[in-house]
Amino acid sequence: MPYYEDINTITHCLHWDLFENTRNLGKFLPSMTLRKRHGIHSQILWFSPTKSMDVQNRYGNVSFTIPMYDIVSRFGENFYEVDEMSFSDRRCVRVLLAKTAPLTRSRIDTSSSDASIYKMSYWSYAFKKESCGVPNELEIAIEVDDADCRWLYTRCKMEPNNHSLANTQGFGRHTNVCQRHNHFSRNCPYALSLWETKMKLESK
């Protein structure tokens, strides 16, 4: 039976420039990156299981964290497969939480003990920790409208992250230490430590 890790909270993480835009608007800015590749014609926001603030977070500088209970209470419990991407040191599993069923996606059976995301009780979920001996990393795309973007912004707890290793060169995990910039062989302009981001937040 697969080993799972509980999902108690999930996090939407932003680089500093996108964080400032978000704070000025008072709402999150949705992405449409799934449209062309996956036939999903909806606005989405990306979340992932919450990490410790001290650990390098490749998604950016500022995290917005919300209990999973609040998410499924508002958006329901219908998860759909998006894709899986395998790397030498990890596997990334991406799922969609949608209010309406996408025509091209298969619904995840959350009662199955082999599902990528597994329903433990009425509101508690877990994700598969490993596949084929390498760790899984879960990314959750949530289908949203403008009201959802405002609701999520007001409900999430804001916290600084450690993104100081964003431009570190190396092998394995260190080849993807900034999700936004390193894929395009660019240095991240916001390679800030936890303390530096905290000071910037407190100065605003």
Protein backbone atom coordinates (compact mmCIF):
# COMPACT_ATOMS: atom_id res chain seq x y z
CA MET A 1 0.00 0.00 0.00
CA PRO A 2 1.40 3.46 -0.87
CA TYR A 3 2.70 5.72 1.88
CA TYR A 4 0.75 8.97 2.17
CA GLU A 5 1.37 12.27 3.92
CA ASP A 6 -1.53 14.27 5.33
CA ILE A 7 -2.61 17.50 3.64
CA ASN A 8 -3.79 19.82 6.40
CA THR A 9 -3.05 23.12 4.67
CA ILE A 10 -2.14 24.16 1.12
CA THR A 11 -0.26 27.22 -0.08
CA HIS A 12 -0.30 29.62 -3.03
CA CYS A 13 3.21 31.06 -3.37
CA LEU A 14 4.30 34.21 -5.22
CA HIS A 15 7.49 36.00 -6.19
CA TRP A 16 7.83 39.47 -4.72
CA ASP A 17 6.72 41.41 -7.81
CA LEU A 18 3.56 39.32 -8.23
CA PHE A 19 2.91 39.58 -4.51
CA GLU A 20 2.95 43.38 -4.69
CA ASN A 21 0.49 43.33 -7.60
CA THR A 22 -1.75 40.94 -5.69
CA ARG A 23 -1.68 43.03 -2.52
CA ASN A 24 -2.51 46.21 -4.43
CA LEU A 25 -5.51 44.53 -6.09
CA GLY A 26 -6.72 42.75 -2.95
CA LYS A 27 -7.15 39.48 -4.85
CA PHE A 28 -5.14 36.72 -6.47
CA LEU A 29 -4.43 36.82 -10.19
CA PRO A 30 -5.44 33.54 -11.86
CA SER A 31 -3.41 31.64 -14.41
CA MET A 32 -4.60 30.09 -17.65
CA THR A 33 -1.53 27.95 -18.31
CA LEU A 34 -3.48 24.70 -18.62
CA ARG A 35 -5.61 25.85 -21.54
CA LYS A 36 -3.54 24.92 -24.57
CA ARG A 37 -1.78 21.84 -23.28
CA HIS A 38 -4.62 20.14 -21.45
CA GLY A 39 -7.89 21.37 -22.91
CA ILE A 40 -9.00 22.93 -19.62
CA HIS A 41 -10.67 26.23 -20.40
CA SER A 42 -10.87 27.73 -16.92
CA GLN A 43 -9.04 30.25 -14.78
CA ILE A 44 -6.94 28.49 -12.16
CA LEU A 45 -4.77 29.20 -9.13
CA TRP A 46 -1.89 26.89 -8.25
CA PHE A 47 -1.49 25.53 -4.72
CA SER A 48 0.78 22.92 -3.14
CA PRO A 49 1.06 21.31 0.31
CA THR A 50 2.47 23.78 2.81
CA LYS A 51 6.22 23.70 3.47
CA SER A 52 8.25 25.00 6.39
CA MET A 53 9.19 28.67 5.95
CA ASP A 54 12.86 27.81 6.55
CA VAL A 55 13.09 25.34 3.66
CA GLN A 56 13.98 26.64 0.20
CA ASN A 57 10.68 27.25 -1.62
CA ARG A 58 11.16 27.23 -5.38
CA TYR A 59 7.78 28.86 -6.03
CA GLY A 60 8.70 32.27 -4.62
CA ASN A 61 9.00 34.61 -1.65
CA VAL A 62 5.56 34.93 -0.05
CA SER A 63 3.15 32.12 0.82
CA PHE A 64 -0.60 32.35 1.26
CA THR A 65 -1.78 29.37 3.31
CA ILE A 66 -5.31 28.04 3.86
CA PRO A 67 -6.74 24.93 5.57
CA MET A 68 -7.76 22.12 3.23
CA TYR A 69 -11.10 22.04 5.06
CA ASP A 70 -11.88 25.58 3.86
CA ILE A 71 -10.92 24.65 0.30
CA VAL A 72 -13.18 21.61 -0.03
CA SER A 73 -16.00 23.42 1.79
CA ARG A 74 -16.05 26.10 -0.92
CA PHE A 75 -14.86 24.25 -4.02
CA GLY A 76 -16.11 20.71 -3.42
CA GLU A 77 -14.22 17.43 -3.61
CA ASN A 78 -13.96 16.71 -7.34
CA PHE A 79 -10.30 16.19 -8.24
CA TYR A 80 -9.22 15.41 -11.79
CA GLU A 81 -5.97 14.11 -13.23
CA VAL A 82 -3.86 16.65 -15.13
CA ASP A 83 -0.47 15.01 -15.64
CA GLU A 84 2.63 13.54 -14.05
CA MET A 85 6.17 14.67 -14.83
CA SER A 86 9.09 12.43 -13.90
CA PHE A 87 12.59 13.69 -13.13
CA SER A 88 15.70 11.88 -11.97
CA ASP A 89 15.08 12.78 -8.33
CA ARG A 90 11.32 13.35 -8.06
CA ARG A 91 7.93 13.05 -9.70
CA CYS A 92 5.53 15.98 -9.95
CA VAL A 93 1.83 15.04 -9.82
CA ARG A 94 -0.62 17.73 -10.90
CA VAL A 95 -4.36 17.58 -10.21
CA LEU A 96 -7.31 19.90 -10.85
CA LEU A 97 -9.98 20.75 -8.27
CA ALA A 98 -12.94 21.81 -10.41
CA LYS A 99 -16.53 22.87 -9.83
CA THR A 100 -17.49 21.58 -13.28
CA ALA A 101 -16.16 18.40 -14.87
CA PRO A 102 -13.62 19.03 -17.67
CA LEU A 103 -14.43 16.99 -20.77
CA THR A 104 -10.90 15.68 -21.31
CA ARG A 105 -9.91 14.77 -17.73
CA SER A 106 -10.54 11.66 -15.62
CA ARG A 107 -11.96 12.13 -12.13
CA ILE A 108 -9.73 10.80 -9.35
CA ASP A 109 -11.31 8.09 -7.21
CA THR A 110 -10.38 9.44 -3.78
CA SER A 111 -11.60 6.23 -2.15
CA SER A 112 -8.83 4.24 -3.85
CA SER A 113 -5.78 3.52 -1.72
CA ASP A 114 -3.63 3.89 -4.84
CA ALA A 115 -4.91 7.33 -5.87
CA SER A 116 -2.47 10.24 -6.19
CA ILE A 117 -4.64 12.15 -3.72
CA TYR A 118 -6.56 10.15 -1.12
CA LYS A 119 -9.57 11.06 1.01
CA MET A 120 -8.94 10.05 4.62
CA SER A 121 -12.21 11.31 6.12
CA TYR A 122 -14.92 13.88 5.39
CA TRP A 123 -12.44 16.75 5.06
CA SER A 124 -8.97 15.28 5.50
CA TYR A 125 -6.88 14.40 2.44
CA ALA A 126 -3.42 12.98 1.88
CA PHE A 127 -1.10 12.70 -1.10
CA LYS A 128 1.15 9.85 -2.11
CA LYS A 129 4.61 10.42 -0.70
CA GLU A 130 6.58 8.24 -3.11
CA SER A 131 6.33 6.56 -6.52
CA CYS A 132 8.94 4.11 -7.82
CA GLY A 133 11.32 5.04 -5.03
CA VAL A 134 11.38 8.80 -5.69
CA PRO A 135 9.39 11.46 -3.80
CA ASN A 136 6.18 12.85 -5.22
CA GLU A 137 5.48 16.57 -5.29
CA LEU A 138 1.82 17.52 -5.55
CA GLU A 139 0.54 20.63 -7.33
CA ILE A 140 -3.18 21.48 -7.17
CA ALA A 141 -4.83 23.71 -9.76
CA ILE A 142 -8.08 25.17 -8.40
CA GLU A 143 -10.72 26.39 -10.85
CA VAL A 144 -11.64 29.95 -9.80
CA ASP A 145 -13.65 33.01 -10.76
CA ASP A 146 -13.10 36.60 -9.62
CA ALA A 147 -15.12 36.13 -6.42
CA ASP A 148 -13.05 33.05 -5.56
CA CYS A 149 -9.82 35.01 -6.08
CA ARG A 150 -10.97 37.66 -3.62
CA TRP A 151 -12.29 35.10 -1.13
CA LEU A 152 -9.05 33.13 -1.17
CA TYR A 153 -6.95 36.26 -0.70
CA THR A 154 -8.90 37.28 2.41
CA ARG A 155 -8.95 33.76 3.88
CA CYS A 156 -5.28 32.89 3.41
CA LYS A 157 -2.59 33.53 6.01
CA MET A 158 0.38 35.42 4.55
CA GLU A 159 3.92 34.30 5.45
CA PRO A 160 7.47 34.93 4.15
CA ASN A 161 9.51 32.13 2.54
CA ASN A 162 13.14 31.27 2.11
CA HIS A 163 13.96 31.72 -1.59
CA SER A 164 17.66 32.48 -1.08
CA LEU A 165 18.90 29.46 -3.07
CA ALA A 166 17.05 30.53 -6.20
CA ASN A 167 20.22 31.00 -8.25
CA THR A 168 22.25 28.12 -6.83
CA GLN A 169 23.92 25.99 -9.47
CA GLY A 170 24.22 22.26 -8.95
CA PHE A 171 22.71 18.88 -9.62
CA GLY A 172 19.48 17.10 -8.72
CA ARG A 173 17.05 19.28 -6.84
CA HIS A 174 19.34 22.30 -7.12
CA THR A 175 18.76 22.46 -10.87
CA ASN A 176 15.21 23.63 -10.20
CA VAL A 177 15.56 25.99 -7.26
CA CYS A 178 13.34 28.68 -8.84
CA GLN A 179 10.27 27.41 -10.66
CA ARG A 180 9.58 30.70 -12.43
CA HIS A 181 13.04 31.71 -13.69
CA ASN A 182 15.39 28.70 -13.75
CA HIS A 183 13.36 26.83 -16.37
CA PHE A 184 14.43 29.56 -18.81
CA SER A 185 18.08 29.67 -17.64
CA ARG A 186 17.59 33.08 -16.05
CA ASN A 187 18.67 34.27 -12.64
CA CYS A 188 15.83 35.03 -10.25
CA PRO A 189 15.87 38.73 -9.23
CA TYR A 190 14.13 37.86 -5.94
CA ALA A 191 16.58 35.39 -4.37
CA LEU A 192 15.74 36.57 -0.86
CA SER A 193 16.22 34.82 2.46
CA LEU A 194 13.37 34.29 4.90
CA TRP A 195 14.64 37.18 7.02
CA GLU A 196 15.00 39.54 4.03
CA THR A 197 11.45 38.85 2.87
CA LYS A 198 10.13 39.23 6.41
CA MET A 199 11.80 42.64 6.69
CA LYS A 200 10.33 43.74 3.36
CA LEU A 201 6.86 42.67 4.47
CA GLU A 202 7.16 44.52 7.76
CA SER A 203 8.39 47.69 6.06
CA LYS A 204 5.25 47.99 3.91
